[in-house]
Amino acid sequence: MSVAVGFESASEVWLALENAYRHDSTDRVYTLRDQLRSLQKGTSSVAEFVKKFKALCDQLSAIASPVDELDKFHWFLCGLGPSFETLSTLRRTIKSRASLRDLFAQAESHELFLSSMQPSVPSQAAFAASSDRASSNYARGRGRGRSNNSFG
């Protein structure tokens, strides 16, 4: 509604709406570029992050506003976050740049490396089994006349 305020004819309103919502509008370009710059991997996988990143780049190319390769490298590395700091530092210091496809593959490889470095979290079954053993040991100890209370 705010786009149509102030116009007197239907054709003026139509042109204002068309300019505001057409795919190659300046506002659309700014919006997509801002989304690309602020995109963060967060808790998603590198593969999911790459998919979102490429989709935004493709949308910009489709409206005749492709992103420079250097900007793609920079924004992608920034979006990976602090756990990819070593990869980002390495990629920024190397004089010859790999292709963007190679960078995506390196990020996925680094993600696998990081996950292999994480200590494994015990499963619920292992926790339950150790809890059962602890309570049965406690019960056996009480059954032999050992008591920690002052009544007994």
C-alpha atoms as a PDB file:
ATOM      1  CA  MET A   1       0.000   0.000   0.000  1.00  0.00           C
ATOM      2  CA  SER A   2       2.824   2.405   0.817  1.00  0.00           C
ATOM      3  CA  VAL A   3       4.142   2.018  -2.735  1.00  0.00           C
ATOM      4  CA  ALA A   4       0.838   3.203  -4.227  1.00  0.00           C
ATOM      5  CA  VAL A   5       0.223   6.219  -1.969  1.00  0.00           C
ATOM      6  CA  GLY A   6       0.297   9.564  -3.752  1.00  0.00           C
ATOM      7  CA  PHE A   7      -0.464   8.341  -7.272  1.00  0.00           C
ATOM      8  CA  GLU A   8      -3.626   9.459  -9.017  1.00  0.00           C
ATOM      9  CA  SER A   9      -4.074   7.008 -11.875  1.00  0.00           C
ATOM     10  CA  ALA A  10      -4.109   3.238 -12.086  1.00  0.00           C
ATOM     11  CA  SER A  11      -1.236   3.305 -14.583  1.00  0.00           C
ATOM     12  CA  GLU A  12       0.937   5.338 -12.179  1.00  0.00           C
ATOM     13  CA  VAL A  13       0.170   2.872  -9.385  1.00  0.00           C
ATOM     14  CA  TRP A  14       0.915  -0.046 -11.700  1.00  0.00           C
ATOM     15  CA  LEU A  15       4.286   1.408 -12.763  1.00  0.00           C
ATOM     16  CA  ALA A  16       5.221   2.104  -9.137  1.00  0.00           C
ATOM     17  CA  LEU A  17       4.373  -1.478  -8.148  1.00  0.00           C
ATOM     18  CA  GLU A  18       6.248  -2.878 -11.130  1.00  0.00           C
ATOM     19  CA  ASN A  19       9.363  -0.861 -10.308  1.00  0.00           C
ATOM     20  CA  ALA A  20       9.225  -1.830  -6.653  1.00  0.00           C
ATOM     21  CA  TYR A  21       8.776  -5.561  -7.183  1.00  0.00           C
ATOM     22  CA  ARG A  22      10.446  -6.446 -10.455  1.00  0.00           C
ATOM     23  CA  HIS A  23      13.307  -8.885 -10.094  1.00  0.00           C
ATOM     24  CA  ASP A  24      16.022  -6.568 -11.333  1.00  0.00           C
ATOM     25  CA  SER A  25      15.118  -3.580  -9.181  1.00  0.00           C
ATOM     26  CA  THR A  26      17.904  -1.807  -7.353  1.00  0.00           C
ATOM     27  CA  ASP A  27      16.234  -2.625  -4.045  1.00  0.00           C
ATOM     28  CA  ARG A  28      16.205  -6.305  -4.948  1.00  0.00           C
ATOM     29  CA  VAL A  29      19.925  -6.208  -5.785  1.00  0.00           C
ATOM     30  CA  TYR A  30      20.727  -4.515  -2.477  1.00  0.00           C
ATOM     31  CA  THR A  31      18.573  -6.960  -0.554  1.00  0.00           C
ATOM     32  CA  LEU A  32      20.220 -10.014  -2.129  1.00  0.00           C
ATOM     33  CA  ARG A  33      23.723  -8.584  -1.675  1.00  0.00           C
ATOM     34  CA  ASP A  34      22.988  -7.796   1.965  1.00  0.00           C
ATOM     35  CA  GLN A  35      21.662 -11.329   2.475  1.00  0.00           C
ATOM     36  CA  LEU A  36      24.802 -12.743   0.873  1.00  0.00           C
ATOM     37  CA  ARG A  37      27.127 -10.600   2.998  1.00  0.00           C
ATOM     38  CA  SER A  38      25.308 -11.435   6.229  1.00  0.00           C
ATOM     39  CA  LEU A  39      24.781 -15.147   5.536  1.00  0.00           C
ATOM     40  CA  GLN A  40      26.245 -17.282   8.339  1.00  0.00           C
ATOM     41  CA  LYS A  41      26.863 -21.021   8.472  1.00  0.00           C
ATOM     42  CA  GLY A  42      25.745 -21.182  12.097  1.00  0.00           C
ATOM     43  CA  THR A  43      24.675 -24.697  13.046  1.00  0.00           C
ATOM     44  CA  SER A  44      23.984 -25.812   9.482  1.00  0.00           C
ATOM     45  CA  SER A  45      26.405 -28.044   7.623  1.00  0.00           C
ATOM     46  CA  VAL A  46      28.878 -26.643   5.129  1.00  0.00           C
ATOM     47  CA  ALA A  47      26.891 -28.316   2.339  1.00  0.00           C
ATOM     48  CA  GLU A  48      23.712 -26.478   3.424  1.00  0.00           C
ATOM     49  CA  PHE A  49      25.632 -23.205   3.761  1.00  0.00           C
ATOM     50  CA  VAL A  50      27.128 -23.647   0.264  1.00  0.00           C
ATOM     51  CA  LYS A  51      23.661 -24.313  -1.156  1.00  0.00           C
ATOM     52  CA  LYS A  52      22.237 -21.091   0.333  1.00  0.00           C
ATOM     53  CA  PHE A  53      25.321 -19.110  -0.693  1.00  0.00           C
ATOM     54  CA  LYS A  54      25.188 -20.353  -4.291  1.00  0.00           C
ATOM     55  CA  ALA A  55      21.431 -19.707  -4.490  1.00  0.00           C
ATOM     56  CA  LEU A  56      21.931 -16.052  -3.574  1.00  0.00           C
ATOM     57  CA  CYS A  57      24.805 -15.713  -6.073  1.00  0.00           C
ATOM     58  CA  ASP A  58      22.671 -17.348  -8.771  1.00  0.00           C
ATOM     59  CA  GLN A  59      19.749 -15.004  -8.059  1.00  0.00           C
ATOM     60  CA  LEU A  60      22.053 -12.007  -8.421  1.00  0.00           C
ATOM     61  CA  SER A  61      23.434 -13.365 -11.710  1.00  0.00           C
ATOM     62  CA  ALA A  62      19.894 -13.969 -12.970  1.00  0.00           C
ATOM     63  CA  ILE A  63      19.042 -10.289 -12.514  1.00  0.00           C
ATOM     64  CA  ALA A  64      22.215  -9.149 -14.302  1.00  0.00           C
ATOM     65  CA  SER A  65      24.108  -8.231 -11.128  1.00  0.00           C
ATOM     66  CA  PRO A  66      26.706 -10.985 -10.711  1.00  0.00           C
ATOM     67  CA  VAL A  67      28.979 -10.981  -7.663  1.00  0.00           C
ATOM     68  CA  ASP A  68      32.712 -10.510  -8.187  1.00  0.00           C
ATOM     69  CA  GLU A  69      34.721 -13.681  -7.452  1.00  0.00           C
ATOM     70  CA  LEU A  70      36.859 -11.897  -4.858  1.00  0.00           C
ATOM     71  CA  ASP A  71      33.714 -10.792  -3.011  1.00  0.00           C
ATOM     72  CA  LYS A  72      32.369 -14.345  -3.148  1.00  0.00           C
ATOM     73  CA  PHE A  73      35.569 -15.681  -1.585  1.00  0.00           C
ATOM     74  CA  HIS A  74      35.570 -13.028   1.103  1.00  0.00           C
ATOM     75  CA  TRP A  75      31.880 -13.305   2.032  1.00  0.00           C
ATOM     76  CA  PHE A  76      31.968 -17.102   2.011  1.00  0.00           C
ATOM     77  CA  LEU A  77      34.992 -17.247   4.321  1.00  0.00           C
ATOM     78  CA  CYS A  78      33.446 -14.663   6.648  1.00  0.00           C
ATOM     79  CA  GLY A  79      30.195 -16.613   6.774  1.00  0.00           C
ATOM     80  CA  LEU A  80      31.873 -19.844   7.843  1.00  0.00           C
ATOM     81  CA  GLY A  81      32.485 -18.461  11.317  1.00  0.00           C
ATOM     82  CA  PRO A  82      35.228 -18.760  13.936  1.00  0.00           C
ATOM     83  CA  SER A  83      35.559 -22.550  13.880  1.00  0.00           C
ATOM     84  CA  PHE A  84      36.885 -22.207  10.302  1.00  0.00           C
ATOM     85  CA  GLU A  85      39.431 -19.528  11.229  1.00  0.00           C
ATOM     86  CA  THR A  86      42.433 -21.654  10.258  1.00  0.00           C
ATOM     87  CA  LEU A  87      40.997 -22.408   6.818  1.00  0.00           C
ATOM     88  CA  SER A  88      40.043 -18.760   6.302  1.00  0.00           C
ATOM     89  CA  THR A  89      43.504 -17.546   7.321  1.00  0.00           C
ATOM     90  CA  LEU A  90      45.172 -20.067   5.037  1.00  0.00           C
ATOM     91  CA  ARG A  91      42.985 -19.180   2.047  1.00  0.00           C
ATOM     92  CA  ARG A  92      43.583 -15.445   2.561  1.00  0.00           C
ATOM     93  CA  THR A  93      47.382 -15.788   2.735  1.00  0.00           C
ATOM     94  CA  ILE A  94      47.807 -17.920  -0.365  1.00  0.00           C
ATOM     95  CA  LYS A  95      48.581 -15.672  -3.330  1.00  0.00           C
ATOM     96  CA  SER A  96      47.024 -17.876  -6.012  1.00  0.00           C
ATOM     97  CA  ARG A  97      43.349 -18.393  -5.431  1.00  0.00           C
ATOM     98  CA  ALA A  98      41.631 -21.713  -5.944  1.00  0.00           C
ATOM     99  CA  SER A  99      38.302 -21.815  -7.688  1.00  0.00           C
ATOM    100  CA  LEU A 100      35.200 -21.208  -5.634  1.00  0.00           C
ATOM    101  CA  ARG A 101      34.272 -24.861  -6.147  1.00  0.00           C
ATOM    102  CA  ASP A 102      37.635 -25.870  -4.628  1.00  0.00           C
ATOM    103  CA  LEU A 103      37.006 -23.538  -1.680  1.00  0.00           C
ATOM    104  CA  PHE A 104      33.627 -25.186  -1.064  1.00  0.00           C
ATOM    105  CA  ALA A 105      35.269 -28.633  -1.129  1.00  0.00           C
ATOM    106  CA  GLN A 106      38.031 -27.484   1.233  1.00  0.00           C
ATOM    107  CA  ALA A 107      35.431 -26.138   3.666  1.00  0.00           C
ATOM    108  CA  GLU A 108      33.557 -29.462   3.637  1.00  0.00           C
ATOM    109  CA  SER A 109      36.829 -31.320   4.183  1.00  0.00           C
ATOM    110  CA  HIS A 110      37.712 -28.989   7.061  1.00  0.00           C
ATOM    111  CA  GLU A 111      34.265 -29.608   8.574  1.00  0.00           C
ATOM    112  CA  LEU A 112      34.943 -33.368   8.521  1.00  0.00           C
ATOM    113  CA  PHE A 113      38.347 -32.784  10.105  1.00  0.00           C
ATOM    114  CA  LEU A 114      36.814 -30.644  12.867  1.00  0.00           C
ATOM    115  CA  SER A 115      34.146 -33.248  13.597  1.00  0.00           C
ATOM    116  CA  SER A 116      36.794 -35.975  13.868  1.00  0.00           C
ATOM    117  CA  MET A 117      38.615 -33.866  16.474  1.00  0.00           C
ATOM    118  CA  GLN A 118      35.549 -33.581  18.715  1.00  0.00           C
ATOM    119  CA  PRO A 119      35.325 -36.069  21.587  1.00  0.00           C
ATOM    120  CA  SER A 120      32.531 -38.501  21.053  1.00  0.00           C
ATOM    121  CA  VAL A 121      29.476 -37.922  23.186  1.00  0.00           C
ATOM    122  CA  PRO A 122      28.379 -41.033  25.103  1.00  0.00           C
ATOM    123  CA  SER A 123      25.149 -42.459  23.845  1.00  0.00           C
ATOM    124  CA  GLN A 124      22.004 -42.576  25.959  1.00  0.00           C
ATOM    125  CA  ALA A 125      22.314 -46.373  26.156  1.00  0.00           C
ATOM    126  CA  ALA A 126      25.825 -46.153  27.621  1.00  0.00           C
ATOM    127  CA  PHE A 127      24.639 -43.579  30.155  1.00  0.00           C
ATOM    128  CA  ALA A 128      21.690 -45.747  31.154  1.00  0.00           C
ATOM    129  CA  ALA A 129      23.925 -48.826  31.523  1.00  0.00           C
ATOM    130  CA  SER A 130      26.394 -46.993  33.764  1.00  0.00           C
ATOM    131  CA  SER A 131      23.522 -45.588  35.836  1.00  0.00           C
ATOM    132  CA  ASP A 132      22.071 -49.103  36.276  1.00  0.00           C
ATOM    133  CA  ARG A 133      25.481 -50.418  37.409  1.00  0.00           C
ATOM    134  CA  ALA A 134      25.908 -47.591  39.893  1.00  0.00           C
ATOM    135  CA  SER A 135      22.488 -48.125  41.446  1.00  0.00           C
ATOM    136  CA  SER A 136      22.970 -51.907  41.661  1.00  0.00           C
ATOM    137  CA  ASN A 137      26.363 -51.398  43.371  1.00  0.00           C
ATOM    138  CA  TYR A 138      24.695 -49.028  45.830  1.00  0.00           C
ATOM    139  CA  ALA A 139      21.921 -51.531  46.526  1.00  0.00           C
ATOM    140  CA  ARG A 140      24.466 -54.339  47.116  1.00  0.00           C
ATOM    141  CA  GLY A 141      26.392 -52.157  49.532  1.00  0.00           C
ATOM    142  CA  ARG A 142      23.271 -51.405  51.560  1.00  0.00           C
ATOM    143  CA  GLY A 143      22.306 -55.060  51.552  1.00  0.00           C
ATOM    144  CA  ARG A 144      25.493 -55.977  53.458  1.00  0.00           C
ATOM    145  CA  GLY A 145      24.515 -53.855  56.412  1.00  0.00           C
ATOM    146  CA  ARG A 146      26.392 -50.703  55.457  1.00  0.00           C
ATOM    147  CA  SER A 147      24.359 -47.654  56.157  1.00  0.00           C
ATOM    148  CA  ASN A 148      25.215 -44.010  56.129  1.00  0.00           C
ATOM    149  CA  ASN A 149      22.317 -42.865  58.258  1.00  0.00           C
ATOM    150  CA  SER A 150      22.656 -42.095  61.945  1.00  0.00           C
ATOM    151  CA  PHE A 151      19.841 -44.442  62.976  1.00  0.00           C
ATOM    152  CA  GLY A 152      21.436 -47.553  62.143  1.00  0.00           C
END
